[in-house]
Amino acid sequence: MEIVSEDVAWQNFERLAAFIFEKNDFRVTVNTVKTDHKKRRQYDIIARRSNQTFLVECKKWAGSRYRLSALKKAVEQHTERTAFYNTITREDAIPLLVTLVEEEIQCYEGVPLVPVLRLNAFIHELDKDADRNSFRDYEDDMDIPDDVPWPEKE
């Protein structure tokens, strides 16, 4: 999957994640922009079902090495975008990062990191336990220096 996906456009990666949400009865919008007082934020996917709203950031990093600092930065930026969304919509949306490959870390700062191949299973698990705070139970230890590269994937 990793080798094949290197040549796939990022838009198709987003469409795949959106398709998985749609097949699980979510209403999906892709590449939505929200503005408020000259602030502008873009969301790869907004997926809604019943009282759940997910703000999905799709990350298809190029190359075979990932840096922890890039992952941390992506989570921090997406957390800020989620707070912005929640403020202007008065919703309680849940941030989610969907990655191309499975990372060693499943959750960072309460934000789940889900590989696209496991997204369907992740959604089914949500149906069993809809408590958004349960994500914090999966958080891994992140005391690794920022300059340490990700291990090579085999």
N, C-alpha and C. Protein backbone atom coordinates (compact mmCIF):
# COMPACT_ATOMS: atom_id res chain seq x y z
N MET A 1 0.83 -1.20 0.00
CA MET A 1 0.00 0.00 0.00
C MET A 1 0.87 1.26 0.00
N GLU A 2 1.90 1.25 0.82
CA GLU A 2 2.78 2.41 0.93
C GLU A 2 3.46 2.71 -0.40
N ILE A 3 3.97 1.68 -1.07
CA ILE A 3 4.68 1.86 -2.33
C ILE A 3 3.73 2.34 -3.42
N VAL A 4 2.56 1.72 -3.50
CA VAL A 4 1.57 2.10 -4.51
C VAL A 4 1.08 3.53 -4.27
N SER A 5 0.91 3.90 -3.03
CA SER A 5 0.33 5.19 -2.68
C SER A 5 1.26 6.37 -2.89
N GLU A 6 2.56 6.12 -3.03
CA GLU A 6 3.49 7.24 -3.22
C GLU A 6 3.15 8.05 -4.46
N ASP A 7 2.58 7.41 -5.48
CA ASP A 7 2.25 8.11 -6.72
C ASP A 7 0.80 8.59 -6.78
N VAL A 8 0.01 8.29 -5.76
CA VAL A 8 -1.40 8.69 -5.74
C VAL A 8 -1.49 10.15 -5.30
N ALA A 9 -2.29 10.92 -6.00
CA ALA A 9 -2.49 12.33 -5.64
C ALA A 9 -3.15 12.43 -4.27
N TRP A 10 -2.80 13.47 -3.53
CA TRP A 10 -3.35 13.64 -2.19
C TRP A 10 -4.86 13.81 -2.22
N GLN A 11 -5.40 14.37 -3.32
CA GLN A 11 -6.85 14.54 -3.42
C GLN A 11 -7.56 13.19 -3.41
N ASN A 12 -6.96 12.20 -4.06
CA ASN A 12 -7.56 10.86 -4.07
C ASN A 12 -7.49 10.21 -2.70
N PHE A 13 -6.46 10.51 -1.96
CA PHE A 13 -6.34 10.01 -0.59
C PHE A 13 -7.47 10.60 0.27
N GLU A 14 -7.73 11.89 0.12
CA GLU A 14 -8.83 12.53 0.84
C GLU A 14 -10.17 11.92 0.42
N ARG A 15 -10.33 11.69 -0.87
CA ARG A 15 -11.58 11.10 -1.36
C ARG A 15 -11.81 9.70 -0.80
N LEU A 16 -10.74 8.93 -0.66
CA LEU A 16 -10.86 7.59 -0.08
C LEU A 16 -11.35 7.67 1.36
N ALA A 17 -10.76 8.56 2.14
CA ALA A 17 -11.19 8.72 3.54
C ALA A 17 -12.65 9.19 3.60
N ALA A 18 -13.02 10.13 2.73
CA ALA A 18 -14.41 10.61 2.69
C ALA A 18 -15.36 9.47 2.32
N PHE A 19 -14.97 8.65 1.36
CA PHE A 19 -15.78 7.52 0.93
C PHE A 19 -16.04 6.55 2.10
N ILE A 20 -15.02 6.29 2.90
CA ILE A 20 -15.17 5.38 4.04
C ILE A 20 -16.18 5.95 5.03
N PHE A 21 -16.12 7.25 5.29
CA PHE A 21 -17.11 7.86 6.17
C PHE A 21 -18.51 7.77 5.57
N GLU A 22 -18.63 8.05 4.27
CA GLU A 22 -19.93 7.97 3.61
C GLU A 22 -20.53 6.57 3.71
N LYS A 23 -19.71 5.55 3.53
CA LYS A 23 -20.19 4.17 3.61
C LYS A 23 -20.62 3.79 5.02
N ASN A 24 -20.27 4.62 5.99
CA ASN A 24 -20.69 4.40 7.38
C ASN A 24 -21.77 5.40 7.78
N ASP A 25 -22.53 5.85 6.80
CA ASP A 25 -23.70 6.72 7.00
C ASP A 25 -23.38 8.11 7.53
N PHE A 26 -22.20 8.62 7.24
CA PHE A 26 -21.87 10.00 7.58
C PHE A 26 -22.20 10.89 6.38
N ARG A 27 -22.66 12.10 6.65
CA ARG A 27 -22.77 13.13 5.62
C ARG A 27 -21.41 13.79 5.55
N VAL A 28 -20.85 13.89 4.36
CA VAL A 28 -19.46 14.32 4.21
C VAL A 28 -19.37 15.54 3.31
N THR A 29 -18.55 16.50 3.73
CA THR A 29 -18.14 17.59 2.85
C THR A 29 -16.62 17.58 2.80
N VAL A 30 -16.09 17.89 1.62
CA VAL A 30 -14.65 17.83 1.41
C VAL A 30 -14.13 19.24 1.08
N ASN A 31 -12.96 19.56 1.63
CA ASN A 31 -12.30 20.85 1.39
C ASN A 31 -13.22 22.04 1.65
N THR A 32 -13.68 22.11 2.88
CA THR A 32 -14.56 23.19 3.32
C THR A 32 -13.73 24.29 3.97
N VAL A 33 -14.08 25.53 3.67
CA VAL A 33 -13.41 26.68 4.27
C VAL A 33 -14.39 27.40 5.18
N LYS A 34 -13.94 27.72 6.39
CA LYS A 34 -14.73 28.51 7.35
C LYS A 34 -13.97 29.80 7.62
N THR A 35 -14.71 30.91 7.67
CA THR A 35 -14.08 32.20 7.97
C THR A 35 -14.83 32.89 9.09
N ASP A 36 -14.08 33.70 9.84
CA ASP A 36 -14.65 34.50 10.91
C ASP A 36 -13.66 35.63 11.23
N HIS A 37 -14.13 36.86 11.13
CA HIS A 37 -13.28 38.02 11.44
C HIS A 37 -11.93 37.95 10.74
N LYS A 38 -11.96 37.73 9.45
CA LYS A 38 -10.76 37.66 8.60
C LYS A 38 -9.86 36.46 8.87
N LYS A 39 -10.26 35.59 9.77
CA LYS A 39 -9.54 34.32 9.96
C LYS A 39 -10.18 33.30 9.03
N ARG A 40 -9.32 32.48 8.43
CA ARG A 40 -9.78 31.50 7.45
C ARG A 40 -9.13 30.16 7.76
N ARG A 41 -9.94 29.10 7.86
CA ARG A 41 -9.42 27.76 8.11
C ARG A 41 -10.07 26.80 7.12
N GLN A 42 -9.24 25.86 6.63
CA GLN A 42 -9.73 24.87 5.68
C GLN A 42 -9.72 23.49 6.34
N TYR A 43 -10.73 22.70 6.01
CA TYR A 43 -10.90 21.36 6.57
C TYR A 43 -10.95 20.35 5.43
N ASP A 44 -10.09 19.33 5.50
CA ASP A 44 -10.06 18.31 4.44
C ASP A 44 -11.42 17.63 4.34
N ILE A 45 -11.92 17.15 5.49
CA ILE A 45 -13.19 16.44 5.51
C ILE A 45 -13.96 16.83 6.77
N ILE A 46 -15.23 17.13 6.60
CA ILE A 46 -16.14 17.27 7.74
C ILE A 46 -17.15 16.14 7.58
N ALA A 47 -17.18 15.25 8.56
CA ALA A 47 -18.06 14.08 8.52
C ALA A 47 -19.04 14.16 9.69
N ARG A 48 -20.35 14.12 9.36
CA ARG A 48 -21.39 14.25 10.38
C ARG A 48 -22.32 13.04 10.34
N ARG A 49 -22.65 12.58 11.54
CA ARG A 49 -23.65 11.51 11.68
C ARG A 49 -24.28 11.67 13.06
N SER A 50 -25.58 11.78 13.11
CA SER A 50 -26.30 12.00 14.37
C SER A 50 -25.68 13.19 15.09
N ASN A 51 -25.21 12.96 16.31
CA ASN A 51 -24.62 14.04 17.10
C ASN A 51 -23.11 14.06 17.03
N GLN A 52 -22.52 13.36 16.08
CA GLN A 52 -21.07 13.31 15.95
C GLN A 52 -20.62 14.12 14.74
N THR A 53 -19.61 14.93 14.94
CA THR A 53 -18.96 15.63 13.83
C THR A 53 -17.47 15.41 13.95
N PHE A 54 -16.86 14.89 12.89
CA PHE A 54 -15.41 14.71 12.83
C PHE A 54 -14.82 15.73 11.86
N LEU A 55 -13.77 16.38 12.30
CA LEU A 55 -12.97 17.22 11.43
C LEU A 55 -11.73 16.40 11.10
N VAL A 56 -11.61 16.00 9.86
CA VAL A 56 -10.58 15.05 9.46
C VAL A 56 -9.48 15.76 8.67
N GLU A 57 -8.27 15.60 9.13
CA GLU A 57 -7.08 16.09 8.43
C GLU A 57 -6.39 14.87 7.84
N CYS A 58 -6.23 14.84 6.53
CA CYS A 58 -5.58 13.71 5.86
C CYS A 58 -4.11 14.04 5.64
N LYS A 59 -3.24 13.15 6.06
CA LYS A 59 -1.80 13.37 5.93
C LYS A 59 -1.18 12.24 5.12
N LYS A 60 -0.73 12.61 3.93
CA LYS A 60 -0.03 11.67 3.05
C LYS A 60 1.37 12.22 2.86
N TRP A 61 2.22 12.02 3.85
CA TRP A 61 3.56 12.55 3.79
C TRP A 61 4.35 11.85 2.70
N ALA A 62 5.16 12.63 1.99
CA ALA A 62 6.01 12.07 0.94
C ALA A 62 7.24 11.43 1.55
N GLY A 63 7.80 10.48 0.82
CA GLY A 63 9.02 9.84 1.29
C GLY A 63 8.75 8.73 2.27
N SER A 64 9.81 8.09 2.70
CA SER A 64 9.64 6.93 3.58
C SER A 64 10.04 7.21 5.02
N ARG A 65 10.43 8.45 5.32
CA ARG A 65 10.81 8.77 6.69
C ARG A 65 9.91 9.89 7.21
N TYR A 66 9.46 9.71 8.42
CA TYR A 66 8.57 10.68 9.04
C TYR A 66 9.26 11.23 10.28
N ARG A 67 9.03 12.47 10.56
CA ARG A 67 9.64 13.09 11.71
C ARG A 67 8.55 13.35 12.75
N LEU A 68 8.90 13.09 13.98
CA LEU A 68 7.95 13.30 15.07
C LEU A 68 7.51 14.75 15.12
N SER A 69 8.42 15.67 14.85
CA SER A 69 8.07 17.09 14.90
C SER A 69 6.97 17.42 13.89
N ALA A 70 6.99 16.80 12.71
CA ALA A 70 5.96 17.06 11.70
C ALA A 70 4.61 16.55 12.18
N LEU A 71 4.60 15.40 12.83
CA LEU A 71 3.37 14.85 13.36
C LEU A 71 2.82 15.73 14.48
N LYS A 72 3.69 16.14 15.38
CA LYS A 72 3.26 17.02 16.48
C LYS A 72 2.68 18.32 15.93
N LYS A 73 3.36 18.90 14.96
CA LYS A 73 2.91 20.16 14.37
C LYS A 73 1.55 19.99 13.70
N ALA A 74 1.36 18.90 12.98
CA ALA A 74 0.09 18.63 12.31
C ALA A 74 -1.04 18.53 13.32
N VAL A 75 -0.80 17.83 14.43
CA VAL A 75 -1.82 17.69 15.47
C VAL A 75 -2.11 19.04 16.10
N GLU A 76 -1.08 19.81 16.41
CA GLU A 76 -1.28 21.11 17.04
C GLU A 76 -2.07 22.05 16.12
N GLN A 77 -1.74 22.07 14.84
CA GLN A 77 -2.47 22.91 13.90
C GLN A 77 -3.91 22.46 13.75
N HIS A 78 -4.12 21.16 13.69
CA HIS A 78 -5.49 20.65 13.54
C HIS A 78 -6.31 20.88 14.80
N THR A 79 -5.68 20.81 15.95
CA THR A 79 -6.37 21.12 17.21
C THR A 79 -6.83 22.58 17.20
N GLU A 80 -5.98 23.48 16.71
CA GLU A 80 -6.36 24.90 16.62
C GLU A 80 -7.50 25.08 15.63
N ARG A 81 -7.44 24.41 14.48
CA ARG A 81 -8.53 24.51 13.50
C ARG A 81 -9.84 23.99 14.08
N THR A 82 -9.75 22.93 14.86
CA THR A 82 -10.94 22.36 15.49
C THR A 82 -11.54 23.33 16.49
N ALA A 83 -10.70 23.96 17.31
CA ALA A 83 -11.19 24.95 18.28
C ALA A 83 -11.88 26.12 17.55
N PHE A 84 -11.28 26.57 16.45
CA PHE A 84 -11.87 27.63 15.63
C PHE A 84 -13.25 27.20 15.12
N TYR A 85 -13.33 26.00 14.57
CA TYR A 85 -14.58 25.46 14.05
C TYR A 85 -15.63 25.39 15.16
N ASN A 86 -15.24 24.85 16.30
CA ASN A 86 -16.18 24.70 17.41
C ASN A 86 -16.71 26.06 17.88
N THR A 87 -15.86 27.06 17.87
CA THR A 87 -16.26 28.40 18.30
C THR A 87 -17.27 29.02 17.33
N ILE A 88 -16.99 28.94 16.04
CA ILE A 88 -17.88 29.61 15.09
C ILE A 88 -19.15 28.83 14.79
N THR A 89 -19.13 27.51 14.99
CA THR A 89 -20.33 26.70 14.69
C THR A 89 -21.10 26.32 15.95
N ARG A 90 -20.45 26.49 17.10
CA ARG A 90 -21.03 26.07 18.39
C ARG A 90 -21.29 24.57 18.43
N GLU A 91 -20.49 23.84 17.67
CA GLU A 91 -20.53 22.38 17.70
C GLU A 91 -19.40 21.88 18.59
N ASP A 92 -19.43 20.61 18.86
CA ASP A 92 -18.35 19.97 19.62
C ASP A 92 -17.70 18.92 18.72
N ALA A 93 -17.02 19.40 17.67
CA ALA A 93 -16.42 18.51 16.68
C ALA A 93 -15.19 17.82 17.26
N ILE A 94 -14.91 16.66 16.73
CA ILE A 94 -13.80 15.83 17.18
C ILE A 94 -12.70 15.86 16.13
N PRO A 95 -11.49 16.26 16.52
CA PRO A 95 -10.39 16.25 15.54
C PRO A 95 -9.89 14.83 15.30
N LEU A 96 -9.49 14.55 14.06
CA LEU A 96 -9.00 13.23 13.68
C LEU A 96 -7.97 13.39 12.57
N LEU A 97 -6.83 12.74 12.70
CA LEU A 97 -5.84 12.70 11.62
C LEU A 97 -5.88 11.32 10.98
N VAL A 98 -6.05 11.29 9.67
CA VAL A 98 -6.00 10.04 8.92
C VAL A 98 -4.68 10.05 8.16
N THR A 99 -3.91 8.99 8.36
CA THR A 99 -2.59 8.90 7.75
C THR A 99 -2.59 7.81 6.68
N LEU A 100 -1.60 7.89 5.82
CA LEU A 100 -1.47 6.89 4.77
C LEU A 100 -1.00 5.56 5.34
N VAL A 101 -0.01 5.61 6.20
CA VAL A 101 0.55 4.40 6.79
C VAL A 101 0.32 4.42 8.30
N GLU A 102 0.40 3.26 8.89
CA GLU A 102 0.22 3.17 10.33
C GLU A 102 1.45 3.73 11.04
N GLU A 103 1.20 4.62 11.95
CA GLU A 103 2.28 5.23 12.73
C GLU A 103 2.45 4.44 14.03
N GLU A 104 3.58 4.62 14.66
CA GLU A 104 3.81 3.97 15.94
C GLU A 104 2.94 4.59 17.03
N ILE A 105 2.51 5.81 16.83
CA ILE A 105 1.69 6.53 17.80
C ILE A 105 0.25 6.49 17.33
N GLN A 106 -0.66 6.10 18.21
CA GLN A 106 -2.06 6.01 17.85
C GLN A 106 -2.85 7.26 18.21
N CYS A 107 -2.31 8.05 19.15
CA CYS A 107 -3.02 9.22 19.62
C CYS A 107 -2.00 10.21 20.18
N TYR A 108 -2.19 11.49 19.90
CA TYR A 108 -1.32 12.52 20.46
C TYR A 108 -2.19 13.68 20.91
N GLU A 109 -2.05 14.09 22.15
CA GLU A 109 -2.83 15.18 22.74
C GLU A 109 -4.33 14.97 22.53
N GLY A 110 -4.77 13.73 22.66
CA GLY A 110 -6.18 13.42 22.53
C GLY A 110 -6.70 13.32 21.11
N VAL A 111 -5.83 13.48 20.12
CA VAL A 111 -6.25 13.40 18.71
C VAL A 111 -5.85 12.04 18.17
N PRO A 112 -6.84 11.24 17.77
CA PRO A 112 -6.52 9.92 17.20
C PRO A 112 -5.80 10.05 15.87
N LEU A 113 -4.82 9.16 15.65
CA LEU A 113 -4.08 9.06 14.39
C LEU A 113 -4.43 7.70 13.80
N VAL A 114 -5.20 7.70 12.75
CA VAL A 114 -5.76 6.47 12.21
C VAL A 114 -5.27 6.26 10.78
N PRO A 115 -4.63 5.12 10.51
CA PRO A 115 -4.25 4.83 9.12
C PRO A 115 -5.51 4.57 8.30
N VAL A 116 -5.50 5.00 7.05
CA VAL A 116 -6.68 4.91 6.21
C VAL A 116 -7.17 3.47 6.09
N LEU A 117 -6.26 2.51 6.12
CA LEU A 117 -6.68 1.10 6.03
C LEU A 117 -7.42 0.62 7.27
N ARG A 118 -7.32 1.36 8.36
CA ARG A 118 -8.03 0.98 9.59
C ARG A 118 -9.16 1.95 9.93
N LEU A 119 -9.44 2.89 9.03
CA LEU A 119 -10.47 3.89 9.31
C LEU A 119 -11.84 3.26 9.50
N ASN A 120 -12.20 2.31 8.67
CA ASN A 120 -13.50 1.66 8.80
C ASN A 120 -13.63 0.97 10.15
N ALA A 121 -12.60 0.25 10.57
CA ALA A 121 -12.63 -0.41 11.88
C ALA A 121 -12.71 0.61 13.01
N PHE A 122 -12.01 1.73 12.87
CA PHE A 122 -12.05 2.79 13.87
C PHE A 122 -13.48 3.32 14.03
N ILE A 123 -14.16 3.55 12.90
CA ILE A 123 -15.54 4.05 12.95
C ILE A 123 -16.45 3.02 13.62
N HIS A 124 -16.25 1.75 13.32
CA HIS A 124 -17.07 0.72 13.96
C HIS A 124 -16.84 0.66 15.46
N GLU A 125 -15.61 0.89 15.89
CA GLU A 125 -15.31 0.94 17.32
C GLU A 125 -16.01 2.12 17.98
N LEU A 126 -16.13 3.22 17.24
CA LEU A 126 -16.84 4.39 17.78
C LEU A 126 -18.29 4.06 18.07
N ASP A 127 -18.87 3.23 17.23
CA ASP A 127 -20.26 2.85 17.44
C ASP A 127 -20.44 2.10 18.76
N LYS A 128 -19.39 1.41 19.19
CA LYS A 128 -19.45 0.68 20.45
C LYS A 128 -19.25 1.60 21.65
N ASP A 129 -18.39 2.64 21.47
CA ASP A 129 -18.08 3.54 22.58
C ASP A 129 -17.98 4.96 22.04
N ALA A 130 -19.05 5.71 22.13
CA ALA A 130 -19.12 7.05 21.55
C ALA A 130 -18.51 8.12 22.46
N ASP A 131 -17.85 7.75 23.53
CA ASP A 131 -17.26 8.72 24.45
C ASP A 131 -15.98 9.27 23.85
N ARG A 132 -15.99 10.54 23.42
CA ARG A 132 -14.83 11.14 22.76
C ARG A 132 -13.62 11.19 23.67
N ASN A 133 -13.81 11.22 24.98
CA ASN A 133 -12.68 11.27 25.90
C ASN A 133 -11.94 9.94 25.97
N SER A 134 -12.54 8.89 25.43
CA SER A 134 -11.87 7.60 25.45
C SER A 134 -10.61 7.61 24.61
N PHE A 135 -10.48 8.57 23.67
CA PHE A 135 -9.27 8.66 22.85
C PHE A 135 -8.04 8.88 23.71
N ARG A 136 -8.20 9.58 24.80
CA ARG A 136 -7.05 9.88 25.66
C ARG A 136 -6.45 8.60 26.26
N ASP A 137 -7.26 7.55 26.36
CA ASP A 137 -6.75 6.28 26.89
C ASP A 137 -5.72 5.66 25.98
N TYR A 138 -5.74 6.02 24.69
CA TYR A 138 -4.84 5.42 23.72
C TYR A 138 -3.57 6.21 23.51
N GLU A 139 -3.44 7.34 24.21
CA GLU A 139 -2.30 8.22 23.98
C GLU A 139 -1.01 7.54 24.38
N ASP A 140 -0.05 7.58 23.48
CA ASP A 140 1.27 6.98 23.73
C ASP A 140 2.21 8.01 24.32
N ASP A 141 3.28 7.55 24.90
CA ASP A 141 4.32 8.41 25.45
C ASP A 141 5.01 9.14 24.32
N MET A 142 5.07 10.46 24.40
CA MET A 142 5.64 11.27 23.33
C MET A 142 6.92 11.96 23.77
N ASP A 143 7.67 11.41 24.70
CA ASP A 143 8.88 12.04 25.19
C ASP A 143 10.08 11.70 24.31
N ILE A 144 9.91 11.79 23.00
CA ILE A 144 10.98 11.54 22.05
C ILE A 144 11.41 12.89 21.51
N PRO A 145 12.70 13.17 21.44
CA PRO A 145 13.14 14.47 20.90
C PRO A 145 12.63 14.70 19.49
N ASP A 146 12.38 15.98 19.15
CA ASP A 146 11.85 16.33 17.84
C ASP A 146 12.77 15.98 16.69
N ASP A 147 14.05 15.89 16.92
CA ASP A 147 14.97 15.65 15.81
C ASP A 147 15.23 14.17 15.53
N VAL A 148 14.51 13.29 16.20
CA VAL A 148 14.67 11.86 15.96
C VAL A 148 13.79 11.46 14.78
N PRO A 149 14.36 10.87 13.72
CA PRO A 149 13.55 10.49 12.55
C PRO A 149 12.69 9.27 12.86
N TRP A 150 11.60 9.15 12.13
CA TRP A 150 10.78 7.96 12.24
C TRP A 150 11.58 6.76 11.79
N PRO A 151 11.30 5.58 12.35
CA PRO A 151 11.97 4.38 11.87
C PRO A 151 11.53 4.07 10.44
N GLU A 152 12.41 3.43 9.71
CA GLU A 152 12.09 3.01 8.35
C GLU A 152 10.98 1.97 8.40
N LYS A 153 10.03 2.08 7.49
CA LYS A 153 8.97 1.09 7.36
C LYS A 153 9.45 0.02 6.41
N GLU A 154 9.18 -1.24 6.76
CA GLU A 154 9.61 -2.35 5.89
C GLU A 154 8.44 -2.90 5.12
